[in-house]
N, C-alpha and C. Protein backbone atom coordinates (compact mmCIF):
# COMPACT_ATOMS: atom_id res chain seq x y z
N UNK A 1 31.44 -29.52 -5.28
CA UNK A 1 31.32 -29.51 -6.72
C UNK A 1 30.44 -30.70 -7.12
N UNK A 2 29.45 -30.43 -7.94
CA UNK A 2 28.59 -31.52 -8.37
C UNK A 2 29.06 -32.08 -9.71
N UNK A 3 28.42 -33.14 -10.15
CA UNK A 3 28.85 -33.85 -11.36
C UNK A 3 28.71 -33.00 -12.61
N UNK A 4 27.70 -32.13 -12.65
CA UNK A 4 27.52 -31.27 -13.83
C UNK A 4 28.65 -30.26 -13.95
N UNK A 5 29.08 -29.70 -12.82
CA UNK A 5 30.21 -28.76 -12.85
C UNK A 5 31.50 -29.47 -13.26
N UNK A 6 31.70 -30.67 -12.75
CA UNK A 6 32.87 -31.45 -13.13
C UNK A 6 32.86 -31.78 -14.61
N UNK A 7 31.70 -32.18 -15.12
CA UNK A 7 31.55 -32.49 -16.54
C UNK A 7 31.84 -31.25 -17.39
N UNK A 8 31.35 -30.10 -16.97
CA UNK A 8 31.58 -28.85 -17.68
C UNK A 8 33.06 -28.49 -17.70
N UNK A 9 33.73 -28.67 -16.56
CA UNK A 9 35.16 -28.37 -16.49
C UNK A 9 35.97 -29.28 -17.42
N UNK A 10 35.64 -30.55 -17.42
CA UNK A 10 36.36 -31.50 -18.27
C UNK A 10 36.16 -31.15 -19.74
N UNK A 11 34.92 -30.85 -20.11
CA UNK A 11 34.62 -30.48 -21.50
C UNK A 11 35.36 -29.21 -21.90
N UNK A 12 35.40 -28.23 -21.00
CA UNK A 12 36.12 -26.98 -21.29
C UNK A 12 37.59 -27.24 -21.54
N UNK A 13 38.21 -28.04 -20.69
CA UNK A 13 39.65 -28.26 -20.83
C UNK A 13 40.00 -29.20 -21.98
N UNK A 14 39.09 -30.06 -22.37
CA UNK A 14 39.30 -30.85 -23.59
C UNK A 14 39.32 -29.90 -24.79
N UNK A 15 38.39 -28.96 -24.79
CA UNK A 15 38.34 -27.97 -25.87
C UNK A 15 39.60 -27.09 -25.86
N UNK A 16 40.06 -26.71 -24.69
CA UNK A 16 41.30 -25.92 -24.59
C UNK A 16 42.46 -26.70 -25.18
N UNK A 17 42.54 -27.98 -24.87
CA UNK A 17 43.61 -28.83 -25.42
C UNK A 17 43.56 -28.89 -26.94
N UNK A 18 42.37 -29.05 -27.48
CA UNK A 18 42.22 -29.08 -28.93
C UNK A 18 42.65 -27.75 -29.54
N UNK A 19 42.23 -26.65 -28.91
CA UNK A 19 42.57 -25.33 -29.44
C UNK A 19 44.07 -25.08 -29.36
N UNK A 20 44.73 -25.57 -28.33
CA UNK A 20 46.18 -25.45 -28.22
C UNK A 20 46.87 -26.24 -29.34
N UNK A 21 46.33 -27.40 -29.68
CA UNK A 21 46.90 -28.19 -30.77
C UNK A 21 46.74 -27.45 -32.10
N UNK A 22 45.59 -26.87 -32.34
CA UNK A 22 45.38 -26.08 -33.56
C UNK A 22 46.36 -24.92 -33.60
N UNK A 23 46.54 -24.27 -32.45
CA UNK A 23 47.47 -23.14 -32.37
C UNK A 23 48.89 -23.58 -32.71
N UNK A 24 49.28 -24.78 -32.26
CA UNK A 24 50.63 -25.28 -32.51
C UNK A 24 50.85 -25.68 -33.96
N UNK A 25 49.83 -26.29 -34.58
CA UNK A 25 50.01 -26.81 -35.92
C UNK A 25 49.60 -25.83 -37.02
N UNK A 26 48.67 -24.95 -36.74
CA UNK A 26 48.21 -23.96 -37.72
C UNK A 26 47.98 -22.62 -37.03
N UNK A 27 49.06 -21.94 -36.68
CA UNK A 27 48.94 -20.69 -35.93
C UNK A 27 48.00 -19.64 -36.53
N UNK A 28 47.95 -19.46 -37.85
CA UNK A 28 47.04 -18.44 -38.38
C UNK A 28 45.57 -18.70 -38.06
N UNK A 29 45.18 -19.96 -37.88
CA UNK A 29 43.78 -20.26 -37.57
C UNK A 29 43.42 -19.93 -36.13
N UNK A 30 44.43 -19.74 -35.28
CA UNK A 30 44.16 -19.44 -33.88
C UNK A 30 43.81 -17.97 -33.67
N UNK A 31 44.35 -17.10 -34.51
CA UNK A 31 44.15 -15.67 -34.29
C UNK A 31 42.86 -15.16 -34.92
N UNK A 32 42.23 -14.26 -34.19
CA UNK A 32 40.97 -13.67 -34.64
C UNK A 32 41.07 -12.16 -34.45
N UNK A 33 40.60 -11.41 -35.44
CA UNK A 33 40.63 -9.95 -35.37
C UNK A 33 39.67 -9.46 -34.29
N UNK A 34 40.00 -8.32 -33.74
CA UNK A 34 39.15 -7.71 -32.73
C UNK A 34 37.74 -7.51 -33.26
N UNK A 35 37.62 -7.14 -34.54
CA UNK A 35 36.30 -6.90 -35.13
C UNK A 35 35.46 -8.17 -35.25
N UNK A 36 36.09 -9.34 -35.19
CA UNK A 36 35.38 -10.61 -35.32
C UNK A 36 35.14 -11.31 -33.98
N UNK A 37 35.69 -10.74 -32.92
CA UNK A 37 35.62 -11.40 -31.61
C UNK A 37 34.19 -11.58 -31.13
N UNK A 38 33.35 -10.54 -31.23
CA UNK A 38 31.97 -10.64 -30.74
C UNK A 38 31.22 -11.78 -31.42
N UNK A 39 31.37 -11.88 -32.73
CA UNK A 39 30.67 -12.94 -33.47
C UNK A 39 31.17 -14.31 -33.03
N UNK A 40 32.48 -14.45 -32.85
CA UNK A 40 33.05 -15.72 -32.43
C UNK A 40 32.58 -16.08 -31.02
N UNK A 41 32.55 -15.08 -30.12
CA UNK A 41 32.09 -15.34 -28.75
C UNK A 41 30.64 -15.79 -28.73
N UNK A 42 29.80 -15.17 -29.55
CA UNK A 42 28.39 -15.60 -29.63
C UNK A 42 28.30 -17.03 -30.14
N UNK A 43 29.08 -17.36 -31.17
CA UNK A 43 29.06 -18.71 -31.73
C UNK A 43 29.50 -19.74 -30.69
N UNK A 44 30.48 -19.37 -29.85
CA UNK A 44 30.99 -20.27 -28.82
C UNK A 44 30.16 -20.22 -27.54
N UNK A 45 29.11 -19.38 -27.54
CA UNK A 45 28.23 -19.22 -26.37
C UNK A 45 29.01 -18.75 -25.14
N UNK A 46 29.85 -17.73 -25.38
CA UNK A 46 30.66 -17.12 -24.33
C UNK A 46 30.14 -15.71 -24.09
N UNK A 47 29.98 -15.35 -22.84
CA UNK A 47 29.47 -14.03 -22.46
C UNK A 47 30.51 -12.95 -22.76
N UNK A 48 30.12 -11.96 -23.52
CA UNK A 48 31.03 -10.87 -23.90
C UNK A 48 31.48 -10.07 -22.69
N UNK A 49 30.63 -9.97 -21.66
CA UNK A 49 30.99 -9.22 -20.45
C UNK A 49 32.16 -9.88 -19.72
N UNK A 50 32.14 -11.19 -19.66
CA UNK A 50 33.24 -11.92 -19.01
C UNK A 50 34.53 -11.74 -19.80
N UNK A 51 34.42 -11.79 -21.13
CA UNK A 51 35.58 -11.56 -21.99
C UNK A 51 36.15 -10.16 -21.74
N UNK A 52 35.28 -9.15 -21.74
CA UNK A 52 35.72 -7.77 -21.53
C UNK A 52 36.37 -7.59 -20.16
N UNK A 53 35.85 -8.28 -19.14
CA UNK A 53 36.43 -8.20 -17.80
C UNK A 53 37.85 -8.77 -17.80
N UNK A 54 38.04 -9.89 -18.47
CA UNK A 54 39.36 -10.51 -18.53
C UNK A 54 40.34 -9.66 -19.33
N UNK A 55 39.86 -8.99 -20.37
CA UNK A 55 40.72 -8.09 -21.15
C UNK A 55 41.09 -6.88 -20.30
N UNK A 56 40.11 -6.32 -19.59
CA UNK A 56 40.37 -5.14 -18.74
C UNK A 56 41.39 -5.45 -17.65
N UNK A 57 41.37 -6.67 -17.14
CA UNK A 57 42.34 -7.09 -16.11
C UNK A 57 43.63 -7.63 -16.72
N UNK A 58 43.78 -7.51 -18.02
CA UNK A 58 44.97 -7.93 -18.77
C UNK A 58 45.30 -9.41 -18.62
N UNK A 59 44.26 -10.22 -18.44
CA UNK A 59 44.45 -11.67 -18.43
C UNK A 59 44.47 -12.17 -19.87
N UNK A 60 43.64 -11.56 -20.71
CA UNK A 60 43.66 -11.81 -22.15
C UNK A 60 44.25 -10.56 -22.79
N UNK A 61 45.32 -10.75 -23.55
CA UNK A 61 46.00 -9.61 -24.15
C UNK A 61 46.00 -9.72 -25.68
N UNK A 62 45.69 -8.60 -26.36
CA UNK A 62 45.72 -8.62 -27.82
C UNK A 62 47.15 -8.51 -28.34
N UNK A 63 47.32 -8.93 -29.58
CA UNK A 63 48.60 -8.84 -30.27
C UNK A 63 48.38 -7.95 -31.49
N UNK A 64 49.28 -7.01 -31.70
CA UNK A 64 49.17 -6.13 -32.87
C UNK A 64 49.98 -6.74 -34.00
N UNK A 65 49.32 -6.99 -35.12
CA UNK A 65 49.99 -7.54 -36.30
C UNK A 65 50.41 -6.36 -37.18
N UNK A 66 51.66 -6.16 -37.32
CA UNK A 66 52.17 -5.04 -38.10
C UNK A 66 52.85 -4.04 -37.20
N UNK A 67 53.51 -3.08 -37.82
CA UNK A 67 54.28 -2.10 -37.06
C UNK A 67 53.55 -0.77 -36.90
N UNK A 68 52.54 -0.53 -37.70
CA UNK A 68 51.83 0.74 -37.66
C UNK A 68 50.93 0.87 -36.45
N UNK A 69 50.67 2.12 -36.07
CA UNK A 69 49.80 2.39 -34.92
C UNK A 69 48.38 1.91 -35.18
N UNK A 70 47.97 1.91 -36.44
CA UNK A 70 46.62 1.48 -36.81
C UNK A 70 46.56 0.02 -37.25
N UNK A 71 47.62 -0.71 -37.01
CA UNK A 71 47.62 -2.14 -37.34
C UNK A 71 46.53 -2.83 -36.53
N UNK A 72 45.87 -3.83 -37.12
CA UNK A 72 44.76 -4.48 -36.41
C UNK A 72 45.22 -5.28 -35.20
N UNK A 73 44.34 -5.35 -34.21
CA UNK A 73 44.58 -6.16 -33.02
C UNK A 73 44.00 -7.56 -33.23
N UNK A 74 44.73 -8.54 -32.78
CA UNK A 74 44.29 -9.93 -32.87
C UNK A 74 44.31 -10.55 -31.48
N UNK A 75 43.40 -11.50 -31.28
CA UNK A 75 43.36 -12.27 -30.04
C UNK A 75 43.54 -13.74 -30.39
N UNK A 76 44.12 -14.48 -29.47
CA UNK A 76 44.28 -15.92 -29.63
C UNK A 76 43.01 -16.60 -29.10
N UNK A 77 42.37 -17.39 -29.95
CA UNK A 77 41.18 -18.12 -29.52
C UNK A 77 41.51 -19.06 -28.36
N UNK A 78 42.67 -19.72 -28.45
CA UNK A 78 43.07 -20.65 -27.39
C UNK A 78 43.28 -19.90 -26.07
N UNK A 79 43.90 -18.72 -26.14
CA UNK A 79 44.12 -17.94 -24.92
C UNK A 79 42.80 -17.49 -24.31
N UNK A 80 41.85 -17.09 -25.17
CA UNK A 80 40.53 -16.68 -24.67
C UNK A 80 39.85 -17.84 -23.96
N UNK A 81 39.82 -18.99 -24.60
CA UNK A 81 39.14 -20.15 -24.03
C UNK A 81 39.82 -20.61 -22.75
N UNK A 82 41.15 -20.59 -22.73
CA UNK A 82 41.88 -21.00 -21.53
C UNK A 82 41.58 -20.05 -20.37
N UNK A 83 41.59 -18.75 -20.62
CA UNK A 83 41.31 -17.78 -19.56
C UNK A 83 39.88 -17.93 -19.03
N UNK A 84 38.93 -18.13 -19.93
CA UNK A 84 37.54 -18.30 -19.51
C UNK A 84 37.35 -19.60 -18.72
N UNK A 85 38.04 -20.65 -19.12
CA UNK A 85 37.95 -21.92 -18.40
C UNK A 85 38.54 -21.80 -17.00
N UNK A 86 39.65 -21.10 -16.88
CA UNK A 86 40.26 -20.88 -15.56
C UNK A 86 39.36 -20.00 -14.69
N UNK A 87 38.70 -19.02 -15.29
CA UNK A 87 37.76 -18.18 -14.54
C UNK A 87 36.59 -19.02 -14.04
N UNK A 88 36.12 -19.97 -14.85
CA UNK A 88 35.04 -20.87 -14.41
C UNK A 88 35.48 -21.73 -13.24
N UNK A 89 36.70 -22.24 -13.29
CA UNK A 89 37.22 -23.06 -12.19
C UNK A 89 37.29 -22.20 -10.93
N UNK A 90 37.78 -20.98 -11.05
CA UNK A 90 37.84 -20.08 -9.90
C UNK A 90 36.47 -19.81 -9.31
N UNK A 91 35.47 -19.64 -10.17
CA UNK A 91 34.09 -19.41 -9.71
C UNK A 91 33.57 -20.63 -8.96
N UNK A 92 33.83 -21.82 -9.48
CA UNK A 92 33.35 -23.06 -8.83
C UNK A 92 34.04 -23.24 -7.48
N UNK A 93 35.33 -22.99 -7.41
CA UNK A 93 36.07 -23.12 -6.14
C UNK A 93 35.55 -22.12 -5.13
N UNK A 94 35.34 -20.88 -5.56
CA UNK A 94 34.83 -19.85 -4.65
C UNK A 94 33.44 -20.23 -4.13
N UNK A 95 32.61 -20.78 -5.02
CA UNK A 95 31.27 -21.20 -4.62
C UNK A 95 31.34 -22.32 -3.59
N UNK A 96 32.26 -23.26 -3.78
CA UNK A 96 32.43 -24.35 -2.82
C UNK A 96 32.94 -23.84 -1.48
N UNK A 97 33.83 -22.87 -1.48
CA UNK A 97 34.34 -22.31 -0.22
C UNK A 97 33.21 -21.63 0.54
N UNK A 98 32.37 -20.90 -0.18
CA UNK A 98 31.24 -20.24 0.45
C UNK A 98 30.30 -21.28 1.05
N UNK A 99 30.04 -22.38 0.34
CA UNK A 99 29.17 -23.45 0.85
C UNK A 99 29.74 -24.05 2.13
N UNK A 100 31.07 -24.23 2.17
CA UNK A 100 31.69 -24.85 3.32
C UNK A 100 31.65 -23.97 4.56
N UNK A 101 31.64 -22.65 4.37
CA UNK A 101 31.64 -21.74 5.52
C UNK A 101 30.24 -21.55 6.10
N UNK A 102 29.22 -21.94 5.34
CA UNK A 102 27.83 -21.78 5.84
C UNK A 102 27.41 -22.95 6.67
């Protein structure tokens, strides 16, 4: 692991910590509607394909607000960021393992 990857990991987890604090103190600000997710991901410079992969594997799970079948789906921003940060750590570890075997 090089210094840039370490710096990126630290920055990601600092942001995750901040987002967890926001979630704890102001829960409504943590949730984002499914219809707003793409815009938020672009603003955060997060790849939509990686997000969709994590949703498909049920690592990121939506919450339905309301009892109706057509009630909107919401995602937790903190959960999204945490899952993406953990996926980045997994990618870095896998890359290091591959380097060590060569």
